[in-house]
């Protein structure tokens, strides 16, 4: 079964993404986390899945999260979903091989449909 994990310290951001997945027919499991450290520990024991990851979070930032995934050789596909429009952040994201896409918040239907068109994991069967 396909699983998607939403990691964002803002519950409303997770809610919006979860609703878009639901409305667009994603039938896999969707689990959200507002605590990135808790999310990392949970995902350390999961098979490869898709993560929507915020960058600016307390305790463990999205960058820290990506570094730990790499350091521990934990494989997940990642879509960065951030409010940052910084070209530095967008370019830095490209340095991580597991990052599929960088999306600027807020998530909306148009952005989601573009993602779904480019990422097989999101395609509805």
N, C-alpha and C. Protein backbone atom coordinates (compact mmCIF):
# COMPACT_ATOMS: atom_id res chain seq x y z
N UNK A 1 0.84 -1.19 0.00
CA UNK A 1 0.00 0.00 0.00
C UNK A 1 0.88 1.25 0.00
N UNK A 2 0.50 2.21 -0.79
CA UNK A 2 1.23 3.47 -0.85
C UNK A 2 0.97 4.28 0.42
N UNK A 3 2.04 4.91 0.92
CA UNK A 3 1.93 5.76 2.10
C UNK A 3 2.54 7.12 1.80
N UNK A 4 1.88 8.14 2.31
CA UNK A 4 2.40 9.50 2.23
C UNK A 4 2.45 10.05 3.64
N UNK A 5 3.57 10.73 3.94
CA UNK A 5 3.75 11.34 5.25
C UNK A 5 3.90 12.84 5.08
N UNK A 6 3.18 13.59 5.90
CA UNK A 6 3.21 15.04 5.87
C UNK A 6 3.94 15.51 7.12
N UNK A 7 5.02 16.25 6.94
CA UNK A 7 5.82 16.72 8.07
C UNK A 7 5.89 18.24 8.01
N UNK A 8 5.10 18.89 8.86
CA UNK A 8 5.03 20.34 8.91
C UNK A 8 4.56 20.74 10.31
N UNK A 9 5.23 21.70 10.93
CA UNK A 9 4.85 22.11 12.27
C UNK A 9 3.55 22.92 12.30
N UNK A 10 3.02 23.26 11.14
CA UNK A 10 1.74 23.98 11.06
C UNK A 10 0.63 23.00 10.69
N UNK A 11 -0.25 22.69 11.63
CA UNK A 11 -1.33 21.72 11.35
C UNK A 11 -2.18 22.08 10.13
N UNK A 12 -2.41 23.37 9.90
CA UNK A 12 -3.24 23.77 8.76
C UNK A 12 -2.60 23.38 7.43
N UNK A 13 -1.27 23.45 7.35
CA UNK A 13 -0.58 23.06 6.11
C UNK A 13 -0.77 21.57 5.85
N UNK A 14 -0.66 20.76 6.90
CA UNK A 14 -0.89 19.32 6.76
C UNK A 14 -2.34 19.04 6.38
N UNK A 15 -3.27 19.78 6.99
CA UNK A 15 -4.69 19.59 6.70
C UNK A 15 -4.99 19.87 5.22
N UNK A 16 -4.45 20.96 4.70
CA UNK A 16 -4.70 21.33 3.30
C UNK A 16 -4.15 20.26 2.36
N UNK A 17 -2.93 19.81 2.60
CA UNK A 17 -2.33 18.79 1.73
C UNK A 17 -3.10 17.49 1.82
N UNK A 18 -3.49 17.12 3.02
CA UNK A 18 -4.26 15.87 3.22
C UNK A 18 -5.58 15.93 2.46
N UNK A 19 -6.27 17.08 2.56
CA UNK A 19 -7.55 17.24 1.85
C UNK A 19 -7.37 17.16 0.34
N UNK A 20 -6.32 17.79 -0.19
CA UNK A 20 -6.06 17.73 -1.63
C UNK A 20 -5.82 16.28 -2.08
N UNK A 21 -5.05 15.54 -1.30
CA UNK A 21 -4.80 14.13 -1.63
C UNK A 21 -6.13 13.36 -1.67
N UNK A 22 -6.96 13.62 -0.70
CA UNK A 22 -8.26 12.95 -0.60
C UNK A 22 -9.16 13.31 -1.79
N UNK A 23 -9.29 14.60 -2.06
CA UNK A 23 -10.15 15.09 -3.14
C UNK A 23 -9.69 14.57 -4.50
N UNK A 24 -8.37 14.46 -4.68
CA UNK A 24 -7.83 14.01 -5.96
C UNK A 24 -7.76 12.49 -6.09
N UNK A 25 -8.25 11.77 -5.08
CA UNK A 25 -8.41 10.33 -5.21
C UNK A 25 -7.25 9.47 -4.76
N UNK A 26 -6.28 10.04 -4.03
CA UNK A 26 -5.20 9.20 -3.51
C UNK A 26 -5.81 8.26 -2.49
N UNK A 27 -5.62 6.95 -2.71
CA UNK A 27 -6.30 5.96 -1.85
C UNK A 27 -5.36 5.25 -0.89
N UNK A 28 -4.13 5.72 -0.79
CA UNK A 28 -3.19 5.14 0.15
C UNK A 28 -3.33 5.75 1.53
N UNK A 29 -2.44 5.37 2.42
CA UNK A 29 -2.44 5.89 3.78
C UNK A 29 -1.75 7.25 3.80
N UNK A 30 -2.35 8.21 4.52
CA UNK A 30 -1.74 9.53 4.71
C UNK A 30 -1.65 9.76 6.22
N UNK A 31 -0.43 10.03 6.67
CA UNK A 31 -0.21 10.29 8.09
C UNK A 31 0.54 11.61 8.22
N UNK A 32 0.08 12.44 9.16
CA UNK A 32 0.75 13.73 9.31
C UNK A 32 1.39 13.88 10.68
N UNK A 33 2.47 14.67 10.69
CA UNK A 33 3.25 14.95 11.89
C UNK A 33 3.48 16.45 12.00
N UNK A 34 3.36 16.98 13.20
CA UNK A 34 3.72 18.37 13.44
C UNK A 34 5.05 18.45 14.20
N UNK A 35 5.55 17.32 14.65
CA UNK A 35 6.83 17.24 15.33
C UNK A 35 7.80 16.49 14.42
N UNK A 36 8.78 17.22 13.88
CA UNK A 36 9.68 16.62 12.88
C UNK A 36 10.57 15.53 13.48
N UNK A 37 10.94 15.66 14.74
CA UNK A 37 11.77 14.64 15.38
C UNK A 37 10.98 13.33 15.51
N UNK A 38 9.74 13.44 15.94
CA UNK A 38 8.87 12.26 16.04
C UNK A 38 8.66 11.63 14.66
N UNK A 39 8.46 12.48 13.65
CA UNK A 39 8.28 11.99 12.29
C UNK A 39 9.52 11.23 11.83
N UNK A 40 10.70 11.79 12.11
CA UNK A 40 11.93 11.14 11.67
C UNK A 40 12.09 9.77 12.31
N UNK A 41 11.84 9.68 13.60
CA UNK A 41 11.96 8.39 14.29
C UNK A 41 10.98 7.37 13.71
N UNK A 42 9.77 7.82 13.43
CA UNK A 42 8.76 6.92 12.85
C UNK A 42 9.18 6.48 11.45
N UNK A 43 9.61 7.42 10.64
CA UNK A 43 9.96 7.12 9.24
C UNK A 43 11.25 6.32 9.12
N UNK A 44 12.06 6.32 10.14
CA UNK A 44 13.30 5.53 10.13
C UNK A 44 13.01 4.04 10.00
N UNK A 45 11.81 3.64 10.39
CA UNK A 45 11.43 2.23 10.37
C UNK A 45 10.41 1.90 9.30
N UNK A 46 10.17 2.82 8.41
CA UNK A 46 9.18 2.61 7.35
C UNK A 46 9.86 2.27 6.03
N UNK A 47 9.15 1.51 5.20
CA UNK A 47 9.62 1.25 3.84
C UNK A 47 9.56 2.57 3.07
N UNK A 48 10.24 2.58 1.93
CA UNK A 48 10.28 3.80 1.13
C UNK A 48 8.87 4.30 0.83
N UNK A 49 8.67 5.58 1.05
CA UNK A 49 7.38 6.21 0.80
C UNK A 49 7.63 7.66 0.37
N UNK A 50 6.57 8.43 0.31
CA UNK A 50 6.67 9.83 -0.12
C UNK A 50 6.44 10.73 1.09
N UNK A 51 7.30 11.74 1.24
CA UNK A 51 7.20 12.69 2.35
C UNK A 51 7.04 14.10 1.78
N UNK A 52 6.04 14.82 2.28
CA UNK A 52 5.92 16.25 2.04
C UNK A 52 6.58 16.90 3.25
N UNK A 53 7.66 17.64 3.04
CA UNK A 53 8.49 18.12 4.14
C UNK A 53 8.63 19.64 4.14
N UNK A 54 8.29 20.24 5.28
CA UNK A 54 8.53 21.67 5.47
C UNK A 54 9.99 21.88 5.82
N UNK A 55 10.53 23.05 5.57
CA UNK A 55 11.93 23.34 5.89
C UNK A 55 12.09 24.04 7.24
N UNK A 56 11.24 25.02 7.50
CA UNK A 56 11.38 25.85 8.69
C UNK A 56 10.54 25.30 9.84
N UNK A 57 11.16 24.44 10.64
CA UNK A 57 10.49 23.84 11.79
C UNK A 57 11.43 23.91 12.99
N UNK A 58 10.85 23.99 14.19
CA UNK A 58 11.68 24.02 15.39
C UNK A 58 12.32 22.65 15.67
N UNK A 59 13.35 22.63 16.43
CA UNK A 59 14.10 21.46 16.88
C UNK A 59 14.84 20.80 15.73
N UNK A 60 14.12 20.17 14.80
CA UNK A 60 14.74 19.53 13.64
C UNK A 60 14.16 20.16 12.38
N UNK A 61 14.97 20.99 11.72
CA UNK A 61 14.49 21.64 10.50
C UNK A 61 14.38 20.61 9.37
N UNK A 62 13.76 21.03 8.28
CA UNK A 62 13.69 20.15 7.11
C UNK A 62 15.07 19.80 6.59
N UNK A 63 16.01 20.77 6.66
CA UNK A 63 17.38 20.50 6.22
C UNK A 63 18.03 19.44 7.11
N UNK A 64 17.82 19.57 8.43
CA UNK A 64 18.36 18.57 9.36
C UNK A 64 17.76 17.19 9.07
N UNK A 65 16.47 17.18 8.77
CA UNK A 65 15.74 15.95 8.45
C UNK A 65 16.38 15.28 7.23
N UNK A 66 16.61 16.07 6.17
CA UNK A 66 17.21 15.53 4.95
C UNK A 66 18.63 15.03 5.20
N UNK A 67 19.39 15.77 5.99
CA UNK A 67 20.76 15.36 6.32
C UNK A 67 20.78 14.02 7.05
N UNK A 68 19.87 13.86 8.00
CA UNK A 68 19.81 12.60 8.77
C UNK A 68 19.37 11.43 7.87
N UNK A 69 18.43 11.68 6.98
CA UNK A 69 18.02 10.63 6.03
C UNK A 69 19.23 10.15 5.24
N UNK A 70 20.00 11.13 4.73
CA UNK A 70 21.18 10.80 3.92
C UNK A 70 22.24 10.08 4.76
N UNK A 71 22.51 10.62 5.93
CA UNK A 71 23.57 10.07 6.78
C UNK A 71 23.27 8.62 7.17
N UNK A 72 21.99 8.34 7.41
CA UNK A 72 21.61 6.98 7.84
C UNK A 72 21.19 6.09 6.67
N UNK A 73 21.32 6.63 5.46
CA UNK A 73 20.96 5.89 4.25
C UNK A 73 19.52 5.38 4.28
N UNK A 74 18.62 6.25 4.74
CA UNK A 74 17.19 5.93 4.78
C UNK A 74 16.58 6.50 3.50
N UNK A 75 15.93 5.65 2.74
CA UNK A 75 15.41 6.05 1.43
C UNK A 75 13.92 6.36 1.47
N UNK A 76 13.60 7.59 1.18
CA UNK A 76 12.23 8.06 0.98
C UNK A 76 12.28 9.08 -0.15
N UNK A 77 11.19 9.22 -0.86
CA UNK A 77 11.07 10.29 -1.84
C UNK A 77 10.54 11.51 -1.10
N UNK A 78 11.05 12.69 -1.41
CA UNK A 78 10.68 13.89 -0.66
C UNK A 78 10.23 15.01 -1.60
N UNK A 79 9.13 15.63 -1.23
CA UNK A 79 8.68 16.87 -1.86
C UNK A 79 8.80 17.94 -0.79
N UNK A 80 9.61 18.94 -1.04
CA UNK A 80 9.72 20.03 -0.09
C UNK A 80 8.53 20.96 -0.31
N UNK A 81 7.83 21.24 0.77
CA UNK A 81 6.67 22.13 0.74
C UNK A 81 6.97 23.23 1.75
N UNK A 82 7.44 24.36 1.26
CA UNK A 82 7.95 25.41 2.14
C UNK A 82 7.41 26.78 1.77
N UNK A 83 7.38 27.68 2.74
CA UNK A 83 6.99 29.06 2.46
C UNK A 83 8.17 29.86 1.91
N UNK A 84 9.36 29.29 1.94
CA UNK A 84 10.56 29.98 1.45
C UNK A 84 10.58 30.06 -0.08
N UNK A 85 10.76 31.27 -0.57
CA UNK A 85 10.91 31.47 -2.02
C UNK A 85 12.37 31.76 -2.36
N UNK A 86 13.25 31.57 -1.40
CA UNK A 86 14.68 31.85 -1.57
C UNK A 86 15.30 30.95 -2.64
N UNK A 87 15.99 31.57 -3.60
CA UNK A 87 16.68 30.79 -4.63
C UNK A 87 17.76 29.91 -4.01
N UNK A 88 18.35 30.38 -2.91
CA UNK A 88 19.33 29.58 -2.19
C UNK A 88 18.71 28.26 -1.73
N UNK A 89 17.53 28.33 -1.12
CA UNK A 89 16.85 27.11 -0.65
C UNK A 89 16.46 26.21 -1.82
N UNK A 90 15.95 26.80 -2.88
CA UNK A 90 15.53 26.02 -4.04
C UNK A 90 16.73 25.29 -4.66
N UNK A 91 17.86 25.97 -4.77
CA UNK A 91 19.07 25.34 -5.32
C UNK A 91 19.64 24.30 -4.36
N UNK A 92 19.62 24.60 -3.07
CA UNK A 92 20.13 23.66 -2.08
C UNK A 92 19.33 22.36 -2.11
N UNK A 93 18.03 22.46 -2.30
CA UNK A 93 17.17 21.27 -2.35
C UNK A 93 17.60 20.31 -3.46
N UNK A 94 18.14 20.86 -4.54
CA UNK A 94 18.56 20.04 -5.68
C UNK A 94 19.79 19.19 -5.37
N UNK A 95 20.46 19.51 -4.27
CA UNK A 95 21.65 18.75 -3.87
C UNK A 95 21.29 17.42 -3.21
N UNK A 96 20.04 17.26 -2.86
CA UNK A 96 19.58 16.03 -2.20
C UNK A 96 18.91 15.13 -3.24
N UNK A 97 19.48 13.97 -3.51
CA UNK A 97 18.94 13.11 -4.56
C UNK A 97 17.52 12.60 -4.30
N UNK A 98 17.10 12.56 -3.05
CA UNK A 98 15.76 12.06 -2.75
C UNK A 98 14.68 13.13 -2.88
N UNK A 99 15.09 14.39 -3.07
CA UNK A 99 14.11 15.47 -3.23
C UNK A 99 13.65 15.49 -4.70
N UNK A 100 12.37 15.25 -4.87
CA UNK A 100 11.79 15.21 -6.22
C UNK A 100 11.36 16.57 -6.72
N UNK A 101 10.90 17.41 -5.79
CA UNK A 101 10.31 18.69 -6.20
C UNK A 101 10.36 19.66 -5.03
N UNK A 102 10.38 20.94 -5.36
CA UNK A 102 10.32 22.02 -4.37
C UNK A 102 9.05 22.79 -4.68
N UNK A 103 8.13 22.88 -3.72
CA UNK A 103 6.86 23.56 -3.92
C UNK A 103 6.72 24.66 -2.86
N UNK A 104 6.33 25.85 -3.30
CA UNK A 104 6.12 26.96 -2.38
C UNK A 104 4.68 26.92 -1.86
N UNK A 105 4.55 26.99 -0.54
CA UNK A 105 3.22 27.03 0.09
C UNK A 105 2.50 28.31 -0.30
N UNK A 106 1.21 28.28 -0.25
CA UNK A 106 0.36 27.17 0.17
C UNK A 106 0.14 26.19 -0.98
N UNK A 107 -0.08 24.95 -0.61
CA UNK A 107 -0.44 23.93 -1.60
C UNK A 107 -1.83 24.28 -2.10
N UNK A 108 -2.04 24.10 -3.39
CA UNK A 108 -3.37 24.29 -3.95
C UNK A 108 -3.59 23.23 -5.03
N UNK A 109 -4.78 23.22 -5.58
CA UNK A 109 -5.12 22.18 -6.55
C UNK A 109 -4.22 22.21 -7.78
N UNK A 110 -3.93 23.38 -8.31
CA UNK A 110 -3.08 23.49 -9.50
C UNK A 110 -1.69 22.92 -9.22
N UNK A 111 -1.08 23.30 -8.09
CA UNK A 111 0.25 22.79 -7.74
C UNK A 111 0.21 21.29 -7.55
N UNK A 112 -0.86 20.82 -6.90
CA UNK A 112 -0.97 19.39 -6.67
C UNK A 112 -1.10 18.63 -7.99
N UNK A 113 -1.91 19.12 -8.90
CA UNK A 113 -2.09 18.44 -10.19
C UNK A 113 -0.79 18.43 -10.99
N UNK A 114 0.01 19.50 -10.91
CA UNK A 114 1.31 19.52 -11.57
C UNK A 114 2.22 18.44 -10.96
N UNK A 115 2.22 18.34 -9.64
CA UNK A 115 3.01 17.30 -8.96
C UNK A 115 2.56 15.91 -9.41
N UNK A 116 1.25 15.71 -9.39
CA UNK A 116 0.71 14.39 -9.74
C UNK A 116 1.06 14.02 -11.17
N UNK A 117 1.14 15.01 -12.04
CA UNK A 117 1.51 14.74 -13.43
C UNK A 117 2.97 14.34 -13.59
N UNK A 118 3.80 14.75 -12.64
CA UNK A 118 5.23 14.49 -12.73
C UNK A 118 5.75 13.39 -11.81
N UNK A 119 4.96 13.00 -10.84
CA UNK A 119 5.43 12.04 -9.83
C UNK A 119 4.52 10.82 -9.83
N UNK A 120 5.06 9.71 -10.29
CA UNK A 120 4.27 8.48 -10.42
C UNK A 120 3.59 8.08 -9.12
N UNK A 121 4.24 8.31 -8.01
CA UNK A 121 3.71 7.90 -6.71
C UNK A 121 2.34 8.53 -6.44
N UNK A 122 2.09 9.70 -6.99
CA UNK A 122 0.83 10.41 -6.74
C UNK A 122 -0.27 10.07 -7.75
N UNK A 123 0.09 9.36 -8.81
CA UNK A 123 -0.90 9.04 -9.82
C UNK A 123 -1.92 8.06 -9.26
N UNK A 124 -3.19 8.38 -9.51
CA UNK A 124 -4.28 7.53 -9.03
C UNK A 124 -4.48 6.40 -10.03
N UNK A 125 -4.58 5.19 -9.49
CA UNK A 125 -4.72 4.02 -10.37
C UNK A 125 -6.13 3.87 -10.88
